[in-house]
PDB file of N, CA and C in Angstrom:
ATOM      1  N   UNK A   1       0.852  -1.195   0.000  1.00  0.00           N
ATOM      2  CA  UNK A   1       0.000   0.000   0.000  1.00  0.00           C
ATOM      3  C   UNK A   1       0.884   1.239   0.000  1.00  0.00           C
ATOM      4  N   UNK A   2       1.510   1.518  -1.098  1.00  0.00           N
ATOM      5  CA  UNK A   2       2.450   2.627  -1.219  1.00  0.00           C
ATOM      6  C   UNK A   2       1.690   3.954  -1.216  1.00  0.00           C
ATOM      7  N   UNK A   3       1.761   4.702  -0.117  1.00  0.00           N
ATOM      8  CA  UNK A   3       1.083   5.988  -0.010  1.00  0.00           C
ATOM      9  C   UNK A   3       2.076   7.104  -0.281  1.00  0.00           C
ATOM     10  N   UNK A   4       1.617   8.140  -0.947  1.00  0.00           N
ATOM     11  CA  UNK A   4       2.531   9.254  -1.162  1.00  0.00           C
ATOM     12  C   UNK A   4       2.580  10.129   0.087  1.00  0.00           C
ATOM     13  N   UNK A   5       3.627  10.930   0.169  1.00  0.00           N
ATOM     14  CA  UNK A   5       3.844  11.744   1.363  1.00  0.00           C
ATOM     15  C   UNK A   5       2.755  12.793   1.556  1.00  0.00           C
ATOM     16  N   UNK A   6       2.202  13.322   0.464  1.00  0.00           N
ATOM     17  CA  UNK A   6       1.160  14.342   0.605  1.00  0.00           C
ATOM     18  C   UNK A   6      -0.067  13.773   1.311  1.00  0.00           C
ATOM     19  N   UNK A   7      -0.404  12.544   0.987  1.00  0.00           N
ATOM     20  CA  UNK A   7      -1.543  11.887   1.634  1.00  0.00           C
ATOM     21  C   UNK A   7      -1.318  11.819   3.148  1.00  0.00           C
ATOM     22  N   UNK A   8      -0.105  11.496   3.547  1.00  0.00           N
ATOM     23  CA  UNK A   8       0.211  11.408   4.973  1.00  0.00           C
ATOM     24  C   UNK A   8       0.214  12.796   5.617  1.00  0.00           C
ATOM     25  N   UNK A   9       0.648  13.816   4.871  1.00  0.00           N
ATOM     26  CA  UNK A   9       0.628  15.186   5.418  1.00  0.00           C
ATOM     27  C   UNK A   9      -0.805  15.654   5.654  1.00  0.00           C
ATOM     28  N   UNK A  10      -1.708  15.262   4.763  1.00  0.00           N
ATOM     29  CA  UNK A  10      -3.123  15.600   4.950  1.00  0.00           C
ATOM     30  C   UNK A  10      -3.649  14.919   6.210  1.00  0.00           C
ATOM     31  N   UNK A  11      -3.245  13.667   6.412  1.00  0.00           N
ATOM     32  CA  UNK A  11      -3.646  12.951   7.635  1.00  0.00           C
ATOM     33  C   UNK A  11      -3.097  13.660   8.868  1.00  0.00           C
ATOM     34  N   UNK A  12      -1.841  14.098   8.792  1.00  0.00           N
ATOM     35  CA  UNK A  12      -1.243  14.818   9.930  1.00  0.00           C
ATOM     36  C   UNK A  12      -1.983  16.112  10.217  1.00  0.00           C
ATOM     37  N   UNK A  13      -2.329  16.847   9.162  1.00  0.00           N
ATOM     38  CA  UNK A  13      -3.046  18.111   9.350  1.00  0.00           C
ATOM     39  C   UNK A  13      -4.390  17.849  10.018  1.00  0.00           C
ATOM     40  N   UNK A  14      -5.086  16.805   9.595  1.00  0.00           N
ATOM     41  CA  UNK A  14      -6.361  16.427  10.201  1.00  0.00           C
ATOM     42  C   UNK A  14      -6.175  16.151  11.689  1.00  0.00           C
ATOM     43  N   UNK A  15      -5.144  15.347  12.007  1.00  0.00           N
ATOM     44  CA  UNK A  15      -4.862  15.032  13.414  1.00  0.00           C
ATOM     45  C   UNK A  15      -4.521  16.292  14.200  1.00  0.00           C
ATOM     46  N   UNK A  16      -3.696  17.157  13.605  1.00  0.00           N
ATOM     47  CA  UNK A  16      -3.300  18.403  14.257  1.00  0.00           C
ATOM     48  C   UNK A  16      -4.535  19.248  14.589  1.00  0.00           C
ATOM     49  N   UNK A  17      -5.439  19.389  13.608  1.00  0.00           N
ATOM     50  CA  UNK A  17      -6.633  20.202  13.811  1.00  0.00           C
ATOM     51  C   UNK A  17      -7.566  19.605  14.866  1.00  0.00           C
ATOM     52  N   UNK A  18      -7.486  18.294  15.070  1.00  0.00           N
ATOM     53  CA  UNK A  18      -8.290  17.641  16.112  1.00  0.00           C
ATOM     54  C   UNK A  18      -7.623  17.718  17.483  1.00  0.00           C
ATOM     55  N   UNK A  19      -6.377  18.229  17.518  1.00  0.00           N
ATOM     56  CA  UNK A  19      -5.682  18.355  18.786  1.00  0.00           C
ATOM     57  C   UNK A  19      -4.810  17.166  19.147  1.00  0.00           C
ATOM     58  N   UNK A  20      -4.584  16.278  18.205  1.00  0.00           N
ATOM     59  CA  UNK A  20      -3.730  15.122  18.433  1.00  0.00           C
ATOM     60  C   UNK A  20      -2.278  15.584  18.502  1.00  0.00           C
ATOM     61  N   UNK A  21      -1.508  15.042  19.412  1.00  0.00           N
ATOM     62  CA  UNK A  21      -0.095  15.429  19.528  1.00  0.00           C
ATOM     63  C   UNK A  21       0.716  14.825  18.388  1.00  0.00           C
ATOM     64  N   UNK A  22       1.903  15.372  18.167  1.00  0.00           N
ATOM     65  CA  UNK A  22       2.791  14.846  17.136  1.00  0.00           C
ATOM     66  C   UNK A  22       3.168  13.396  17.450  1.00  0.00           C
ATOM     67  N   UNK A  23       3.422  13.107  18.723  1.00  0.00           N
ATOM     68  CA  UNK A  23       3.790  11.745  19.125  1.00  0.00           C
ATOM     69  C   UNK A  23       2.670  10.756  18.810  1.00  0.00           C
ATOM     70  N   UNK A  24       1.434  11.148  19.087  1.00  0.00           N
ATOM     71  CA  UNK A  24       0.293  10.281  18.784  1.00  0.00           C
ATOM     72  C   UNK A  24       0.134  10.101  17.273  1.00  0.00           C
ATOM     73  N   UNK A  25       0.378  11.173  16.530  1.00  0.00           N
ATOM     74  CA  UNK A  25       0.266  11.096  15.075  1.00  0.00           C
ATOM     75  C   UNK A  25       1.314  10.162  14.481  1.00  0.00           C
ATOM     76  N   UNK A  26       2.525  10.185  15.045  1.00  0.00           N
ATOM     77  CA  UNK A  26       3.574   9.273  14.580  1.00  0.00           C
ATOM     78  C   UNK A  26       3.088   7.837  14.699  1.00  0.00           C
ATOM     79  N   UNK A  27       2.534   7.498  15.856  1.00  0.00           N
ATOM     80  CA  UNK A  27       2.054   6.133  16.085  1.00  0.00           C
ATOM     81  C   UNK A  27       0.919   5.764  15.139  1.00  0.00           C
ATOM     82  N   UNK A  28       0.004   6.690  14.910  1.00  0.00           N
ATOM     83  CA  UNK A  28      -1.117   6.414  14.008  1.00  0.00           C
ATOM     84  C   UNK A  28      -0.637   6.234  12.571  1.00  0.00           C
ATOM     85  N   UNK A  29       0.295   7.080  12.137  1.00  0.00           N
ATOM     86  CA  UNK A  29       0.821   6.946  10.778  1.00  0.00           C
ATOM     87  C   UNK A  29       1.562   5.624  10.608  1.00  0.00           C
ATOM     88  N   UNK A  30       2.311   5.233  11.638  1.00  0.00           N
ATOM     89  CA  UNK A  30       3.032   3.956  11.575  1.00  0.00           C
ATOM     90  C   UNK A  30       2.062   2.784  11.496  1.00  0.00           C
ATOM     91  N   UNK A  31       0.972   2.890  12.217  1.00  0.00           N
ATOM     92  CA  UNK A  31      -0.024   1.814  12.187  1.00  0.00           C
ATOM     93  C   UNK A  31      -0.738   1.764  10.836  1.00  0.00           C
ATOM     94  N   UNK A  32      -1.056   2.929  10.301  1.00  0.00           N
ATOM     95  CA  UNK A  32      -1.811   2.977   9.049  1.00  0.00           C
ATOM     96  C   UNK A  32      -0.952   2.700   7.819  1.00  0.00           C
ATOM     97  N   UNK A  33       0.266   3.254   7.790  1.00  0.00           N
ATOM     98  CA  UNK A  33       1.085   3.177   6.585  1.00  0.00           C
ATOM     99  C   UNK A  33       2.270   2.219   6.697  1.00  0.00           C
ATOM    100  N   UNK A  34       2.418   1.605   7.845  1.00  0.00           N
ATOM    101  CA  UNK A  34       3.481   0.608   8.081  1.00  0.00           C
ATOM    102  C   UNK A  34       4.859   1.157   7.689  1.00  0.00           C
ATOM    103  N   UNK A  35       5.589   0.428   6.859  1.00  0.00           N
ATOM    104  CA  UNK A  35       6.970   0.811   6.512  1.00  0.00           C
ATOM    105  C   UNK A  35       7.028   2.068   5.641  1.00  0.00           C
ATOM    106  N   UNK A  36       5.900   2.465   5.044  1.00  0.00           N
ATOM    107  CA  UNK A  36       5.864   3.661   4.208  1.00  0.00           C
ATOM    108  C   UNK A  36       5.584   4.931   5.011  1.00  0.00           C
ATOM    109  N   UNK A  37       5.419   4.805   6.330  1.00  0.00           N
ATOM    110  CA  UNK A  37       5.082   5.962   7.166  1.00  0.00           C
ATOM    111  C   UNK A  37       6.232   6.962   7.188  1.00  0.00           C
ATOM    112  N   UNK A  38       5.859   8.230   7.287  1.00  0.00           N
ATOM    113  CA  UNK A  38       6.861   9.283   7.436  1.00  0.00           C
ATOM    114  C   UNK A  38       7.634   9.059   8.730  1.00  0.00           C
ATOM    115  N   UNK A  39       8.853   9.561   8.762  1.00  0.00           N
ATOM    116  CA  UNK A  39       9.669   9.397   9.959  1.00  0.00           C
ATOM    117  C   UNK A  39       9.165  10.309  11.072  1.00  0.00           C
ATOM    118  N   UNK A  40       9.570   9.989  12.277  1.00  0.00           N
ATOM    119  CA  UNK A  40       9.214  10.801  13.454  1.00  0.00           C
ATOM    120  C   UNK A  40       9.688  12.238  13.253  1.00  0.00           C
ATOM    121  N   UNK A  41      10.898  12.395  12.721  1.00  0.00           N
ATOM    122  CA  UNK A  41      11.457  13.729  12.489  1.00  0.00           C
ATOM    123  C   UNK A  41      10.588  14.520  11.516  1.00  0.00           C
ATOM    124  N   UNK A  42      10.176  13.869  10.419  1.00  0.00           N
ATOM    125  CA  UNK A  42       9.332  14.550   9.446  1.00  0.00           C
ATOM    126  C   UNK A  42       8.003  14.978  10.052  1.00  0.00           C
ATOM    127  N   UNK A  43       7.403  14.120  10.858  1.00  0.00           N
ATOM    128  CA  UNK A  43       6.118  14.449  11.489  1.00  0.00           C
ATOM    129  C   UNK A  43       6.285  15.658  12.403  1.00  0.00           C
ATOM    130  N   UNK A  44       7.335  15.664  13.216  1.00  0.00           N
ATOM    131  CA  UNK A  44       7.558  16.789  14.122  1.00  0.00           C
ATOM    132  C   UNK A  44       7.837  18.083  13.359  1.00  0.00           C
ATOM    133  N   UNK A  45       8.545  17.988  12.219  1.00  0.00           N
ATOM    134  CA  UNK A  45       8.797  19.187  11.415  1.00  0.00           C
ATOM    135  C   UNK A  45       7.500  19.744  10.836  1.00  0.00           C
ATOM    136  N   UNK A  46       6.623  18.868  10.342  1.00  0.00           N
ATOM    137  CA  UNK A  46       5.352  19.326   9.805  1.00  0.00           C
ATOM    138  C   UNK A  46       4.471  19.904  10.916  1.00  0.00           C
ATOM    139  N   UNK A  47       4.466  19.276  12.078  1.00  0.00           N
ATOM    140  CA  UNK A  47       3.691  19.809  13.208  1.00  0.00           C
ATOM    141  C   UNK A  47       4.198  21.194  13.593  1.00  0.00           C
ATOM    142  N   UNK A  48       5.491  21.367  13.569  1.00  0.00           N
ATOM    143  CA  UNK A  48       6.075  22.678  13.876  1.00  0.00           C
ATOM    144  C   UNK A  48       5.566  23.723  12.890  1.00  0.00           C
ATOM    145  N   UNK A  49       5.519  23.357  11.613  1.00  0.00           N
ATOM    146  CA  UNK A  49       4.981  24.270  10.599  1.00  0.00           C
ATOM    147  C   UNK A  49       3.522  24.585  10.836  1.00  0.00           C
ATOM    148  N   UNK A  50       2.723  23.568  11.178  1.00  0.00           N
ATOM    149  CA  UNK A  50       1.301  23.785  11.460  1.00  0.00           C
ATOM    150  C   UNK A  50       1.136  24.737  12.647  1.00  0.00           C
ATOM    151  N   UNK A  51       1.938  24.525  13.678  1.00  0.00           N
ATOM    152  CA  UNK A  51       1.867  25.399  14.857  1.00  0.00           C
ATOM    153  C   UNK A  51       2.250  26.828  14.510  1.00  0.00           C
ATOM    154  N   UNK A  52       3.150  26.976  13.547  1.00  0.00           N
ATOM    155  CA  UNK A  52       3.583  28.304  13.107  1.00  0.00           C
ATOM    156  C   UNK A  52       2.624  28.961  12.134  1.00  0.00           C
ATOM    157  N   UNK A  53       1.538  28.283  11.802  1.00  0.00           N
ATOM    158  CA  UNK A  53       0.524  28.871  10.936  1.00  0.00           C
ATOM    159  C   UNK A  53       0.595  28.428   9.483  1.00  0.00           C
ATOM    160  N   UNK A  54       1.591  27.636   9.113  1.00  0.00           N
ATOM    161  CA  UNK A  54       1.703  27.139   7.742  1.00  0.00           C
ATOM    162  C   UNK A  54       0.825  25.901   7.610  1.00  0.00           C
ATOM    163  N   UNK A  55      -0.341  26.071   7.003  1.00  0.00           N
ATOM    164  CA  UNK A  55      -1.308  24.980   6.952  1.00  0.00           C
ATOM    165  C   UNK A  55      -1.338  24.259   5.600  1.00  0.00           C
ATOM    166  N   UNK A  56      -0.472  24.652   4.676  1.00  0.00           N
ATOM    167  CA  UNK A  56      -0.425  23.982   3.384  1.00  0.00           C
ATOM    168  C   UNK A  56       0.218  22.607   3.532  1.00  0.00           C
ATOM    169  N   UNK A  57      -0.300  21.648   2.793  1.00  0.00           N
ATOM    170  CA  UNK A  57       0.266  20.295   2.789  1.00  0.00           C
ATOM    171  C   UNK A  57       1.180  20.086   1.598  1.00  0.00           C
ATOM    172  N   UNK A  58       1.401  21.146   0.821  1.00  0.00           N
ATOM    173  CA  UNK A  58       2.261  21.072  -0.359  1.00  0.00           C
ATOM    174  C   UNK A  58       3.720  21.178   0.038  1.00  0.00           C
ATOM    175  N   UNK A  59       4.592  20.574  -0.761  1.00  0.00           N
ATOM    176  CA  UNK A  59       6.025  20.731  -0.565  1.00  0.00           C
ATOM    177  C   UNK A  59       6.403  22.176  -0.824  1.00  0.00           C
ATOM    178  N   UNK A  60       7.294  22.704  -0.019  1.00  0.00           N
ATOM    179  CA  UNK A  60       7.789  24.055  -0.215  1.00  0.00           C
ATOM    180  C   UNK A  60       9.108  23.990  -0.970  1.00  0.00           C
ATOM    181  N   UNK A  61       9.402  25.017  -1.781  1.00  0.00           N
ATOM    182  CA  UNK A  61      10.687  25.013  -2.487  1.00  0.00           C
ATOM    183  C   UNK A  61      11.839  24.993  -1.489  1.00  0.00           C
ATOM    184  N   UNK A  62      12.895  24.276  -1.843  1.00  0.00           N
ATOM    185  CA  UNK A  62      14.050  24.174  -0.961  1.00  0.00           C
ATOM    186  C   UNK A  62      15.267  24.761  -1.638  1.00  0.00           C
ATOM    187  N   UNK A  63      16.189  25.216  -0.825  1.00  0.00           N
ATOM    188  CA  UNK A  63      17.431  25.720  -1.377  1.00  0.00           C
ATOM    189  C   UNK A  63      18.303  24.537  -1.767  1.00  0.00           C
ATOM    190  N   UNK A  64      19.325  24.801  -2.498  1.00  0.00           N
ATOM    191  CA  UNK A  64      20.218  23.733  -2.925  1.00  0.00           C
ATOM    192  C   UNK A  64      20.233  23.614  -4.421  1.00  0.00           C
ATOM    193  N   UNK A  65      20.591  22.475  -4.882  1.00  0.00           N
ATOM    194  CA  UNK A  65      20.703  22.249  -6.306  1.00  0.00           C
ATOM    195  C   UNK A  65      19.333  22.383  -6.966  1.00  0.00           C
ATOM    196  N   UNK A  66      19.232  23.187  -8.026  1.00  0.00           N
ATOM    197  CA  UNK A  66      17.942  23.363  -8.682  1.00  0.00           C
ATOM    198  C   UNK A  66      17.519  22.095  -9.418  1.00  0.00           C
ATOM    199  N   UNK A  67      16.220  21.959  -9.554  1.00  0.00           N
ATOM    200  CA  UNK A  67      15.722  20.797 -10.284  1.00  0.00           C
ATOM    201  C   UNK A  67      16.036  20.964 -11.765  1.00  0.00           C
ATOM    202  N   UNK A  68      16.170  19.879 -12.450  1.00  0.00           N
ATOM    203  CA  UNK A  68      16.478  19.932 -13.873  1.00  0.00           C
ATOM    204  C   UNK A  68      15.201  19.810 -14.674  1.00  0.00           C
ATOM    205  N   UNK A  69      15.295  20.167 -15.905  1.00  0.00           N
ATOM    206  CA  UNK A  69      14.138  20.072 -16.798  1.00  0.00           C
ATOM    207  C   UNK A  69      14.370  18.902 -17.730  1.00  0.00           C
ATOM    208  N   UNK A  70      13.950  17.736 -17.307  1.00  0.00           N
ATOM    209  CA  UNK A  70      14.139  16.533 -18.112  1.00  0.00           C
ATOM    210  C   UNK A  70      12.813  16.170 -18.759  1.00  0.00           C
ATOM    211  N   UNK A  71      12.798  16.219 -20.077  1.00  0.00           N
ATOM    212  CA  UNK A  71      11.618  15.795 -20.808  1.00  0.00           C
ATOM    213  C   UNK A  71      12.070  15.150 -22.113  1.00  0.00           C
ATOM    214  N   UNK A  72      11.131  14.583 -22.835  1.00  0.00           N
ATOM    215  CA  UNK A  72      11.468  13.852 -24.059  1.00  0.00           C
ATOM    216  C   UNK A  72      12.139  14.751 -25.095  1.00  0.00           C
ATOM    217  N   UNK A  73      11.670  15.986 -25.187  1.00  0.00           N
ATOM    218  CA  UNK A  73      12.243  16.913 -26.181  1.00  0.00           C
ATOM    219  C   UNK A  73      13.715  17.200 -25.875  1.00  0.00           C
ATOM    220  N   UNK A  74      14.013  17.489 -24.611  1.00  0.00           N
ATOM    221  CA  UNK A  74      15.403  17.771 -24.230  1.00  0.00           C
ATOM    222  C   UNK A  74      16.290  16.541 -24.393  1.00  0.00           C
ATOM    223  N   UNK A  75      15.765  15.378 -24.031  1.00  0.00           N
ATOM    224  CA  UNK A  75      16.545  14.155 -24.194  1.00  0.00           C
ATOM    225  C   UNK A  75      16.849  13.887 -25.666  1.00  0.00           C
ATOM    226  N   UNK A  76      15.881  14.148 -26.522  1.00  0.00           N
ATOM    227  CA  UNK A  76      16.094  13.944 -27.950  1.00  0.00           C
ATOM    228  C   UNK A  76      17.162  14.899 -28.483  1.00  0.00           C
ATOM    229  N   UNK A  77      17.130  16.163 -28.041  1.00  0.00           N
ATOM    230  CA  UNK A  77      18.147  17.130 -28.466  1.00  0.00           C
ATOM    231  C   UNK A  77      19.545  16.640 -28.096  1.00  0.00           C
ATOM    232  N   UNK A  78      19.684  16.183 -26.869  1.00  0.00           N
ATOM    233  CA  UNK A  78      20.989  15.747 -26.386  1.00  0.00           C
ATOM    234  C   UNK A  78      21.447  14.490 -27.129  1.00  0.00           C
ATOM    235  N   UNK A  79      20.551  13.535 -27.308  1.00  0.00           N
ATOM    236  CA  UNK A  79      20.904  12.305 -28.031  1.00  0.00           C
ATOM    237  C   UNK A  79      21.333  12.613 -29.455  1.00  0.00           C
ATOM    238  N   UNK A  80      20.611  13.516 -30.118  1.00  0.00           N
ATOM    239  CA  UNK A  80      20.967  13.886 -31.485  1.00  0.00           C
ATOM    240  C   UNK A  80      22.344  14.538 -31.541  1.00  0.00           C
ATOM    241  N   UNK A  81      22.645  15.413 -30.591  1.00  0.00           N
ATOM    242  CA  UNK A  81      23.945  16.085 -30.563  1.00  0.00           C
ATOM    243  C   UNK A  81      25.075  15.081 -30.326  1.00  0.00           C
ATOM    244  N   UNK A  82      24.832  14.117 -29.453  1.00  0.00           N
ATOM    245  CA  UNK A  82      25.851  13.099 -29.167  1.00  0.00           C
ATOM    246  C   UNK A  82      26.029  12.172 -30.370  1.00  0.00           C
ATOM    247  N   UNK A  83      24.920  11.766 -30.964  1.00  0.00           N
ATOM    248  CA  UNK A  83      24.990  10.856 -32.112  1.00  0.00           C
ATOM    249  C   UNK A  83      25.663  11.506 -33.317  1.00  0.00           C
ATOM    250  N   UNK A  84      25.518  12.824 -33.459  1.00  0.00           N
ATOM    251  CA  UNK A  84      26.137  13.530 -34.582  1.00  0.00           C
ATOM    252  C   UNK A  84      27.661  13.515 -34.458  1.00  0.00           C
ATOM    253  N   UNK A  85      28.173  13.554 -33.230  1.00  0.00           N
ATOM    254  CA  UNK A  85      29.629  13.535 -33.019  1.00  0.00           C
ATOM    255  C   UNK A  85      29.895  13.034 -31.608  1.00  0.00           C
ATOM    256  N   UNK A  86      30.360  11.806 -31.509  1.00  0.00           N
ATOM    257  CA  UNK A  86      30.601  11.183 -30.203  1.00  0.00           C
ATOM    258  C   UNK A  86      31.765  11.799 -29.437  1.00  0.00           C
ATOM    259  N   UNK A  87      32.533  12.645 -30.082  1.00  0.00           N
ATOM    260  CA  UNK A  87      33.715  13.224 -29.439  1.00  0.00           C
ATOM    261  C   UNK A  87      33.440  14.591 -28.817  1.00  0.00           C
ATOM    262  N   UNK A  88      32.208  15.048 -28.886  1.00  0.00           N
ATOM    263  CA  UNK A  88      31.870  16.354 -28.300  1.00  0.00           C
ATOM    264  C   UNK A  88      31.959  16.277 -26.782  1.00  0.00           C
ATOM    265  N   UNK A  89      32.383  17.396 -26.205  1.00  0.00           N
ATOM    266  CA  UNK A  89      32.432  17.485 -24.747  1.00  0.00           C
ATOM    267  C   UNK A  89      31.129  18.099 -24.246  1.00  0.00           C
ATOM    268  N   UNK A  90      30.909  18.003 -22.972  1.00  0.00           N
ATOM    269  CA  UNK A  90      29.657  18.463 -22.359  1.00  0.00           C
ATOM    270  C   UNK A  90      29.353  19.914 -22.692  1.00  0.00           C
ATOM    271  N   UNK A  91      30.364  20.774 -22.638  1.00  0.00           N
ATOM    272  CA  UNK A  91      30.143  22.194 -22.910  1.00  0.00           C
ATOM    273  C   UNK A  91      29.648  22.418 -24.340  1.00  0.00           C
ATOM    274  N   UNK A  92      30.186  21.661 -25.282  1.00  0.00           N
ATOM    275  CA  UNK A  92      29.752  21.797 -26.671  1.00  0.00           C
ATOM    276  C   UNK A  92      28.306  21.339 -26.838  1.00  0.00           C
ATOM    277  N   UNK A  93      27.962  20.245 -26.204  1.00  0.00           N
ATOM    278  CA  UNK A  93      26.584  19.747 -26.274  1.00  0.00           C
ATOM    279  C   UNK A  93      25.631  20.752 -25.647  1.00  0.00           C
ATOM    280  N   UNK A  94      26.047  21.359 -24.557  1.00  0.00           N
ATOM    281  CA  UNK A  94      25.234  22.368 -23.886  1.00  0.00           C
ATOM    282  C   UNK A  94      24.975  23.556 -24.806  1.00  0.00           C
ATOM    283  N   UNK A  95      26.015  24.014 -25.518  1.00  0.00           N
ATOM    284  CA  UNK A  95      25.863  25.136 -26.446  1.00  0.00           C
ATOM    285  C   UNK A  95      24.942  24.780 -27.609  1.00  0.00           C
ATOM    286  N   UNK A  96      25.126  23.603 -28.173  1.00  0.00           N
ATOM    287  CA  UNK A  96      24.361  23.163 -29.333  1.00  0.00           C
ATOM    288  C   UNK A  96      22.873  23.030 -28.990  1.00  0.00           C
ATOM    289  N   UNK A  97      22.584  22.463 -27.833  1.00  0.00           N
ATOM    290  CA  UNK A  97      21.190  22.164 -27.453  1.00  0.00           C
ATOM    291  C   UNK A  97      20.516  23.305 -26.705  1.00  0.00           C
ATOM    292  N   UNK A  98      21.290  24.300 -26.297  1.00  0.00           N
ATOM    293  CA  UNK A  98      20.758  25.408 -25.477  1.00  0.00           C
ATOM    294  C   UNK A  98      20.246  24.915 -24.121  1.00  0.00           C
ATOM    295  N   UNK A  99      20.879  23.876 -23.614  1.00  0.00           N
ATOM    296  CA  UNK A  99      20.529  23.314 -22.302  1.00  0.00           C
ATOM    297  C   UNK A  99      21.768  23.333 -21.406  1.00  0.00           C
ATOM    298  N   UNK A 100      21.561  23.628 -20.156  1.00  0.00           N
ATOM    299  CA  UNK A 100      22.710  23.637 -19.231  1.00  0.00           C
ATOM    300  C   UNK A 100      22.985  22.245 -18.702  1.00  0.00           C
TER     301      UNK A 100
END
């Protein structure tokens, strides 16, 4: 029963709004989702956000390495550039395809 994390965050928000403690929510999530349950640390972090007024269950943008734009069109551009000349270096492929 592979549950996504958003589903569990919605469950946590429901528990939070009912006045359930983070510790109780951890136990309930473990019982309901078994090995797929969010960690205790994650539950406490989300509860902290709820207490601070952040009631969204959506993931928030994080700092660090930016996400890449991988799609079929970009993959095709890169494959074509590589197939045209196997000796091209990454920088040349980046220039040709207009992708970083």
